[in-house]
Amino acid sequence: MLSRKGLIPEEYLLTRLAEDVLQPKFKAKQGKARFVAKNGACNVAHTNIREQGRFLQDVFTTLVDLKWLHTLIIFTMSFLCSWLLFGMIWWLVAFAHGDLFQTGDEFVPCVTEVHSFSSAFLFSIEVQVTIGFGGRMITEECVSAIVILIVQNIVGLVINAIMLGCIFMKTAQANRRAETLIFSKHAVISVRNNKLCFMIRLGDLRKSMVISASVRMQVVRRTTTEEGEVVPLDQIDIHMDNPVGTNGIFLVSPLIICHVIDKESPLYDLSATDLQHEDIEVIVVLEGVVETTGITMQARTSYVAEEILWGQRFVPTVSEEEGMYAVDYSKFGNTMRVPTPFCSAKKLDEAGGIARLKLDEGVTLRPYVRKRRSNTVRRSRMES
């Protein structure tokens, strides 16, 4: 993968949905478990499942969900067991007909050149994989042998269809496409169009597009109902700012997904200080159809309070060069400080909004751009 070879900067993460993550690379504050890890793995353990037989009712999905080692073991054992089973049947047919003991030119066996279990096992392999070396062949002497030949061919085709389909689905799973879909490591909250907004950045490293891509956001928090019921993982949908009216996006270059913090937002009452003490997690889900395969895929990530930067916005990554647009992924996760009120969106609305607040203050803060360490060291050397 690109991230394992060191080709991807540390400012953003790759999603890995197929891997079992025991410990998330990005740890939240002590004692707080994440609902969704940064790489998209759901941090949920299913215990005390008594009806295990339900998984056997959907054998194909169970095989696809298994690890590669277990799948390969089942793949090998399914063929070996079928070869051994029909090898035993062919040996019994030869034993019952007397092929193992009688010889001579006038004697016609059910299967020629079957004198032991080893030769019967080899004939079983030749029948099921349609090799046919020519030394052993079935004759018209036994009707039972013809029936067994037909049954073994049908069983072999069923095993081939199931196991090869399972291997194909594991290699062509849509979550592998999510390896090249990237999310910014941090989310930001700043002013955009005179509104306080929650923003994240996502991008696609491949040239092949994700068709009908859509983004959903949810806030997961611990809530208590009016009746006193405690909901440990209350999932609240939040809406994105999209002039089209839907969540559909055209993911050709990195996009900034924006959520306006208004009265319907679960972040409406949170200020910069409250955010640091709030037990909150924002989940971002990207769904779409892979252009090359037509398979629906999904990529996920989440942001806890420590990963939400208040008063910053993302640095532009797209520039026009020689008649075409170029994307600099080294700036994908870079942010810069911008003038942002530290109060909640609710207090801003009560004060008359951002425009009213700027008019009353009459002061604009100079934004501070976060620069690389090399540039800072170079500037200090020039000054000295």
Protein backbone atom coordinates (compact mmCIF):
# COMPACT_ATOMS: atom_id res chain seq x y z
CA MET A 1 0.00 0.00 0.00
CA LEU A 2 1.09 3.59 -0.50
CA SER A 3 1.03 4.41 3.17
CA ARG A 4 3.23 1.45 4.06
CA LYS A 5 5.86 2.50 1.55
CA GLY A 6 6.12 5.97 3.02
CA LEU A 7 4.72 7.74 -0.04
CA ILE A 8 1.77 9.31 1.77
CA PRO A 9 2.37 12.35 4.03
CA GLU A 10 1.37 12.15 7.66
CA GLU A 11 -1.23 14.92 7.28
CA TYR A 12 -3.92 12.48 6.18
CA LEU A 13 -4.90 8.87 6.66
CA LEU A 14 -5.78 5.97 4.42
CA THR A 15 -8.87 3.97 5.26
CA ARG A 16 -8.40 0.24 5.75
CA LEU A 17 -11.78 -1.40 6.20
CA ALA A 18 -10.70 -4.99 5.66
CA GLU A 19 -8.01 -5.14 8.32
CA ASP A 20 -8.74 -6.09 11.91
CA VAL A 21 -7.44 -3.24 14.02
CA LEU A 22 -6.82 -4.18 17.63
CA GLN A 23 -5.55 -0.79 18.73
CA PRO A 24 -6.24 2.43 16.79
CA LYS A 25 -3.12 4.33 15.77
CA PHE A 26 -4.65 7.58 16.98
CA LYS A 27 -5.62 7.27 20.62
CA ALA A 28 -8.18 9.48 22.23
CA LYS A 29 -8.08 10.68 25.78
CA GLN A 30 -7.59 8.15 28.55
CA GLY A 31 -10.56 5.92 29.27
CA LYS A 32 -12.61 6.96 26.19
CA ALA A 33 -13.27 4.32 23.55
CA ARG A 34 -13.86 5.38 19.97
CA PHE A 35 -16.96 4.15 18.18
CA VAL A 36 -15.18 4.29 14.79
CA ALA A 37 -11.39 4.25 14.48
CA LYS A 38 -9.49 6.69 12.28
CA ASN A 39 -9.01 4.01 9.62
CA GLY A 40 -12.74 3.28 9.51
CA ALA A 41 -12.83 0.08 11.58
CA CYS A 42 -15.82 -0.10 13.91
CA ASN A 43 -14.70 -0.51 17.51
CA VAL A 44 -17.57 -2.79 18.51
CA ALA A 45 -17.26 -6.31 19.92
CA HIS A 46 -20.25 -8.65 19.58
CA THR A 47 -20.49 -10.97 22.56
CA ASN A 48 -22.95 -13.53 23.95
CA ILE A 49 -24.35 -14.48 20.54
CA ARG A 50 -26.26 -17.68 21.18
CA GLU A 51 -27.72 -18.31 17.73
CA GLN A 52 -24.45 -19.10 15.93
CA GLY A 53 -26.35 -21.19 13.38
CA ARG A 54 -27.57 -18.05 11.65
CA PHE A 55 -24.09 -17.59 10.17
CA LEU A 56 -24.28 -21.04 8.57
CA GLN A 57 -27.52 -20.11 6.83
CA ASP A 58 -25.54 -17.62 4.76
CA VAL A 59 -22.46 -19.73 4.04
CA PHE A 60 -21.19 -17.65 1.12
CA THR A 61 -21.08 -14.38 3.09
CA THR A 62 -19.48 -16.20 6.02
CA LEU A 63 -16.73 -17.54 3.75
CA VAL A 64 -16.11 -14.09 2.27
CA ASP A 65 -15.89 -12.51 5.73
CA LEU A 66 -13.31 -15.04 6.96
CA LYS A 67 -9.60 -14.30 7.06
CA TRP A 68 -7.49 -15.29 4.07
CA LEU A 69 -5.78 -18.12 5.96
CA HIS A 70 -9.08 -19.70 6.96
CA THR A 71 -10.48 -19.24 3.45
CA LEU A 72 -7.49 -20.95 1.84
CA ILE A 73 -7.70 -23.82 4.32
CA ILE A 74 -11.40 -24.33 3.55
CA PHE A 75 -10.67 -24.01 -0.19
CA THR A 76 -8.03 -26.77 -0.02
CA MET A 77 -9.97 -29.05 2.32
CA SER A 78 -13.16 -28.86 0.25
CA PHE A 79 -11.37 -30.32 -2.80
CA LEU A 80 -9.36 -32.86 -0.82
CA CYS A 81 -12.41 -34.12 1.04
CA SER A 82 -14.44 -34.48 -2.15
CA TRP A 83 -11.59 -36.34 -3.87
CA LEU A 84 -11.19 -38.68 -0.89
CA LEU A 85 -14.94 -39.26 -0.60
CA PHE A 86 -15.43 -40.19 -4.24
CA GLY A 87 -12.14 -42.09 -4.22
CA MET A 88 -13.59 -44.26 -1.48
CA ILE A 89 -16.81 -44.67 -3.50
CA TRP A 90 -14.91 -45.73 -6.62
CA TRP A 91 -12.90 -48.21 -4.53
CA LEU A 92 -16.13 -49.69 -3.13
CA VAL A 93 -17.58 -49.98 -6.65
CA ALA A 94 -14.46 -51.80 -7.82
CA PHE A 95 -14.49 -54.02 -4.71
CA ALA A 96 -18.17 -54.92 -5.13
CA HIS A 97 -17.74 -55.73 -8.81
CA GLY A 98 -14.59 -57.74 -8.20
CA ASP A 99 -12.25 -55.49 -10.16
CA LEU A 100 -9.58 -55.75 -7.44
CA PHE A 101 -9.24 -59.53 -7.65
CA GLN A 102 -10.24 -60.76 -11.12
CA THR A 103 -7.97 -60.36 -14.11
CA GLY A 104 -8.03 -61.64 -17.63
CA ASP A 105 -8.88 -60.57 -21.14
CA GLU A 106 -12.50 -61.67 -20.94
CA PHE A 107 -13.26 -59.80 -17.68
CA VAL A 108 -14.68 -56.25 -18.13
CA PRO A 109 -14.25 -54.05 -15.00
CA CYS A 110 -16.37 -51.03 -14.08
CA VAL A 111 -13.26 -48.81 -14.22
CA THR A 112 -10.11 -49.97 -15.92
CA GLU A 113 -6.75 -49.97 -14.13
CA VAL A 114 -8.26 -49.56 -10.65
CA HIS A 115 -6.52 -52.15 -8.45
CA SER A 116 -6.17 -50.29 -5.10
CA PHE A 117 -7.38 -47.31 -3.15
CA SER A 118 -4.52 -45.19 -4.53
CA SER A 119 -5.58 -45.85 -8.11
CA ALA A 120 -9.23 -45.15 -7.15
CA PHE A 121 -8.18 -41.84 -5.55
CA LEU A 122 -6.25 -40.86 -8.70
CA PHE A 123 -9.28 -41.72 -10.83
CA SER A 124 -11.45 -39.54 -8.57
CA ILE A 125 -9.10 -36.59 -9.16
CA GLU A 126 -9.08 -37.19 -12.92
CA VAL A 127 -12.89 -37.24 -13.04
CA GLN A 128 -13.46 -34.11 -10.94
CA VAL A 129 -10.80 -31.91 -12.55
CA THR A 130 -11.39 -33.44 -16.04
CA ILE A 131 -7.75 -34.34 -16.60
CA GLY A 132 -8.15 -37.81 -18.14
CA PHE A 133 -4.62 -39.22 -18.49
CA GLY A 134 -5.99 -42.20 -20.43
CA GLY A 135 -4.84 -45.06 -18.20
CA ARG A 136 -8.07 -45.29 -16.20
CA MET A 137 -11.49 -44.97 -17.75
CA ILE A 138 -15.09 -45.96 -17.03
CA THR A 139 -16.82 -48.69 -18.99
CA GLU A 140 -20.47 -49.47 -19.72
CA GLU A 141 -20.38 -52.56 -17.54
CA CYS A 142 -21.78 -50.88 -14.38
CA VAL A 143 -24.76 -48.52 -14.34
CA SER A 144 -23.88 -47.43 -10.79
CA ALA A 145 -20.47 -46.23 -11.96
CA ILE A 146 -22.13 -44.03 -14.60
CA VAL A 147 -24.43 -42.51 -11.96
CA ILE A 148 -21.47 -41.85 -9.62
CA LEU A 149 -19.60 -40.20 -12.51
CA ILE A 150 -22.50 -37.81 -13.11
CA VAL A 151 -22.88 -37.02 -9.40
CA GLN A 152 -19.18 -36.32 -8.97
CA ASN A 153 -19.14 -33.97 -11.95
CA ILE A 154 -22.08 -32.01 -10.54
CA VAL A 155 -20.54 -31.84 -7.06
CA GLY A 156 -17.22 -30.69 -8.54
CA LEU A 157 -18.93 -27.90 -10.49
CA VAL A 158 -20.76 -26.70 -7.36
CA ILE A 159 -17.54 -26.65 -5.31
CA ASN A 160 -15.73 -24.78 -8.08
CA ALA A 161 -18.50 -22.19 -8.36
CA ILE A 162 -18.68 -21.54 -4.61
CA MET A 163 -14.97 -21.49 -3.83
CA LEU A 164 -13.85 -19.58 -6.92
CA GLY A 165 -16.68 -17.08 -6.40
CA CYS A 166 -15.59 -16.66 -2.79
CA ILE A 167 -11.96 -16.05 -3.81
CA PHE A 168 -13.06 -13.56 -6.47
CA MET A 169 -15.25 -11.63 -4.03
CA LYS A 170 -12.44 -11.44 -1.47
CA THR A 171 -9.98 -10.09 -4.04
CA ALA A 172 -12.50 -7.67 -5.60
CA GLN A 173 -14.03 -6.32 -2.41
CA ALA A 174 -15.03 -2.70 -2.64
CA ASN A 175 -13.36 -1.82 0.66
CA ARG A 176 -10.01 -2.22 -1.07
CA ARG A 177 -10.99 0.75 -3.22
CA ALA A 178 -11.29 2.71 0.01
CA GLU A 179 -7.52 2.34 0.48
CA THR A 180 -7.03 5.28 -1.89
CA LEU A 181 -9.76 7.47 -0.39
CA ILE A 182 -8.23 9.83 2.16
CA PHE A 183 -9.56 11.96 5.00
CA SER A 184 -7.84 14.80 6.79
CA LYS A 185 -6.45 13.82 10.18
CA HIS A 186 -8.11 16.81 11.85
CA ALA A 187 -11.42 18.59 11.44
CA VAL A 188 -11.66 22.37 11.77
CA ILE A 189 -14.24 24.87 12.99
CA SER A 190 -14.07 28.40 11.59
CA VAL A 191 -16.16 31.12 9.98
CA ARG A 192 -17.29 30.58 6.39
CA ASN A 193 -19.69 32.98 4.67
CA ASN A 194 -20.36 34.67 8.01
CA LYS A 195 -21.42 31.36 9.57
CA LEU A 196 -19.66 29.11 12.03
CA CYS A 197 -18.92 25.83 10.21
CA PHE A 198 -17.51 22.39 10.93
CA MET A 199 -15.28 21.23 8.05
CA ILE A 200 -13.25 18.21 7.01
CA ARG A 201 -11.31 17.48 3.82
CA LEU A 202 -11.43 14.31 1.73
CA GLY A 203 -9.83 13.25 -1.52
CA ASP A 204 -9.29 10.41 -3.96
CA LEU A 205 -5.81 9.34 -5.07
CA ARG A 206 -6.97 7.36 -8.10
CA LYS A 207 -7.89 8.79 -11.48
CA SER A 208 -10.86 6.44 -11.79
CA MET A 209 -13.78 8.20 -10.16
CA VAL A 210 -16.28 7.17 -7.52
CA ILE A 211 -19.70 7.50 -9.16
CA SER A 212 -22.66 8.89 -7.21
CA ALA A 213 -20.45 9.67 -4.24
CA SER A 214 -22.26 10.94 -1.16
CA VAL A 215 -21.13 11.99 2.30
CA ARG A 216 -22.98 11.55 5.58
CA MET A 217 -22.06 12.83 9.02
CA GLN A 218 -23.22 11.69 12.41
CA VAL A 219 -22.50 12.85 15.93
CA VAL A 220 -22.15 10.04 18.46
CA ARG A 221 -22.51 11.12 22.06
CA ARG A 222 -23.91 10.00 25.38
CA THR A 223 -27.34 11.48 25.96
CA THR A 224 -30.13 11.24 28.51
CA THR A 225 -33.79 11.38 27.55
CA GLU A 226 -36.43 13.36 29.39
CA GLU A 227 -37.59 10.12 31.03
CA GLY A 228 -34.11 9.51 32.45
CA GLU A 229 -33.09 6.82 29.95
CA VAL A 230 -29.34 6.87 29.25
CA VAL A 231 -28.39 6.32 25.60
CA PRO A 232 -24.63 5.53 25.55
CA LEU A 233 -24.26 5.82 21.76
CA ASP A 234 -26.86 8.23 20.46
CA GLN A 235 -26.34 8.73 16.71
CA ILE A 236 -27.51 12.14 15.48
CA ASP A 237 -27.43 13.02 11.77
CA ILE A 238 -25.99 16.38 10.80
CA HIS A 239 -26.56 18.08 7.46
CA MET A 240 -23.92 19.32 5.02
CA ASP A 241 -23.95 22.68 3.28
CA ASN A 242 -24.72 21.73 -0.34
CA PRO A 243 -26.50 24.14 -2.69
CA VAL A 244 -27.85 21.26 -4.75
CA GLY A 245 -29.83 20.04 -1.78
CA THR A 246 -28.29 16.56 -1.65
CA ASN A 247 -25.12 15.03 -0.27
CA GLY A 248 -23.80 14.10 -3.75
CA ILE A 249 -20.25 15.25 -4.54
CA PHE A 250 -18.00 15.28 -7.62
CA LEU A 251 -14.80 13.84 -6.18
CA VAL A 252 -12.20 14.75 -8.80
CA SER A 253 -9.99 16.87 -6.56
CA PRO A 254 -9.83 17.17 -2.76
CA LEU A 255 -13.02 18.69 -1.39
CA ILE A 256 -13.84 20.43 1.86
CA ILE A 257 -17.06 19.07 3.32
CA CYS A 258 -18.80 21.78 5.32
CA HIS A 259 -21.48 21.59 7.99
CA VAL A 260 -23.09 24.86 9.03
CA ILE A 261 -23.56 24.96 12.80
CA ASP A 262 -27.12 26.23 13.04
CA LYS A 263 -30.05 25.70 15.38
CA GLU A 264 -30.60 22.15 14.14
CA SER A 265 -26.96 21.16 14.62
CA PRO A 266 -25.90 19.11 17.69
CA LEU A 267 -22.84 21.39 17.89
CA TYR A 268 -24.98 24.50 18.30
CA ASP A 269 -24.39 24.89 22.05
CA LEU A 270 -20.67 24.06 22.05
CA SER A 271 -18.00 26.73 22.42
CA ALA A 272 -14.25 26.29 22.03
CA THR A 273 -13.90 25.62 25.75
CA ASP A 274 -16.87 23.27 25.93
CA LEU A 275 -15.55 21.24 23.01
CA GLN A 276 -12.41 20.24 24.87
CA HIS A 277 -14.45 18.83 27.77
CA GLU A 278 -17.23 17.31 25.67
CA ASP A 279 -17.41 13.55 25.14
CA ILE A 280 -18.30 13.74 21.45
CA GLU A 281 -17.35 11.94 18.25
CA VAL A 282 -18.17 12.98 14.68
CA ILE A 283 -18.38 10.11 12.18
CA VAL A 284 -17.93 10.77 8.45
CA VAL A 285 -19.12 8.15 5.93
CA LEU A 286 -18.33 8.32 2.20
CA GLU A 287 -20.35 6.04 -0.07
CA GLY A 288 -20.30 5.57 -3.82
CA VAL A 289 -19.99 3.18 -6.75
CA VAL A 290 -16.58 2.15 -8.07
CA GLU A 291 -16.37 3.24 -11.71
CA THR A 292 -14.27 0.30 -12.92
CA THR A 293 -16.16 -2.54 -11.21
CA GLY A 294 -19.62 -1.10 -10.48
CA ILE A 295 -19.45 -2.29 -6.86
CA THR A 296 -20.78 -0.11 -4.06
CA MET A 297 -18.05 0.92 -1.60
CA GLN A 298 -17.89 2.75 1.70
CA ALA A 299 -15.10 4.56 3.56
CA ARG A 300 -15.35 5.81 7.14
CA THR A 301 -13.44 7.83 9.70
CA SER A 302 -14.20 9.75 12.88
CA TYR A 303 -13.10 12.83 14.79
CA VAL A 304 -13.11 13.14 18.58
CA ALA A 305 -12.88 16.43 20.46
CA GLU A 306 -9.06 16.39 20.51
CA GLU A 307 -8.98 16.15 16.71
CA ILE A 308 -11.22 19.17 16.07
CA LEU A 309 -9.21 22.39 15.66
CA TRP A 310 -11.12 25.54 16.59
CA GLY A 311 -10.28 28.72 14.68
CA GLN A 312 -8.44 27.14 11.74
CA ARG A 313 -9.18 26.38 8.11
CA PHE A 314 -7.57 24.20 5.45
CA VAL A 315 -4.84 25.50 3.15
CA PRO A 316 -5.73 25.41 -0.60
CA THR A 317 -4.25 22.44 -2.47
CA VAL A 318 -5.40 23.09 -6.07
CA SER A 319 -3.53 25.44 -8.39
CA GLU A 320 -3.63 26.11 -12.13
CA GLU A 321 -0.44 25.19 -13.97
CA GLU A 322 0.04 25.26 -17.75
CA GLY A 323 -3.63 25.07 -18.61
CA MET A 324 -4.52 22.31 -16.16
CA TYR A 325 -5.24 21.99 -12.46
CA ALA A 326 -2.60 20.49 -10.19
CA VAL A 327 -3.23 19.08 -6.70
CA ASP A 328 -0.47 19.31 -4.08
CA TYR A 329 -1.19 16.48 -1.64
CA SER A 330 1.61 17.59 0.65
CA LYS A 331 -0.75 20.38 1.79
CA PHE A 332 -3.73 18.10 2.20
CA GLY A 333 -3.87 18.26 5.99
CA ASN A 334 -2.25 21.69 6.49
CA THR A 335 -4.33 24.30 8.30
CA MET A 336 -3.96 27.99 9.06
CA ARG A 337 -5.34 30.12 11.87
CA VAL A 338 -8.13 32.51 11.03
CA PRO A 339 -10.12 35.01 13.14
CA THR A 340 -12.88 32.97 14.79
CA PRO A 341 -15.04 33.72 17.84
CA PHE A 342 -14.53 31.28 20.71
CA CYS A 343 -18.18 31.38 21.75
CA SER A 344 -20.82 28.94 20.58
CA ALA A 345 -23.00 29.40 17.51
CA LYS A 346 -25.97 29.90 19.82
CA LYS A 347 -24.37 32.90 21.50
CA LEU A 348 -23.39 34.26 18.10
CA ASP A 349 -27.00 34.17 16.98
CA GLU A 350 -28.07 35.84 20.20
CA ALA A 351 -25.46 38.57 19.59
CA GLY A 352 -26.71 39.18 16.05
CA GLY A 353 -24.34 36.95 14.05
CA ILE A 354 -20.76 37.19 12.82
CA ALA A 355 -21.31 40.40 10.84
CA ARG A 356 -22.76 42.17 13.89
CA LEU A 357 -19.91 40.93 16.06
CA LYS A 358 -17.28 42.23 13.63
CA LEU A 359 -19.03 45.59 13.47
CA ASP A 360 -19.12 45.91 17.25
CA GLU A 361 -15.49 44.88 17.72
CA GLY A 362 -14.08 46.78 14.75
CA VAL A 363 -10.92 44.68 14.94
CA THR A 364 -9.68 42.00 12.56
CA LEU A 365 -7.09 39.54 13.70
CA ARG A 366 -4.17 38.78 11.47
CA PRO A 367 -4.24 35.10 10.56
CA TYR A 368 -1.21 33.03 11.38
CA VAL A 369 -0.19 30.48 8.76
CA ARG A 370 1.40 27.30 10.00
CA LYS A 371 4.61 26.79 8.04
CA ARG A 372 7.07 24.00 7.79
CA ARG A 373 9.97 23.74 10.15
CA SER A 374 12.52 24.02 7.34
CA ASN A 375 11.20 27.45 6.32
CA THR A 376 11.38 28.70 9.91
CA VAL A 377 14.96 27.49 10.32
CA ARG A 378 15.95 29.08 7.00
CA ARG A 379 14.44 32.44 8.02
CA SER A 380 16.25 32.40 11.39
CA ARG A 381 19.56 31.76 9.64
CA MET A 382 19.03 34.63 7.23
CA GLU A 383 18.22 37.02 10.09
CA SER A 384 21.33 35.99 11.98
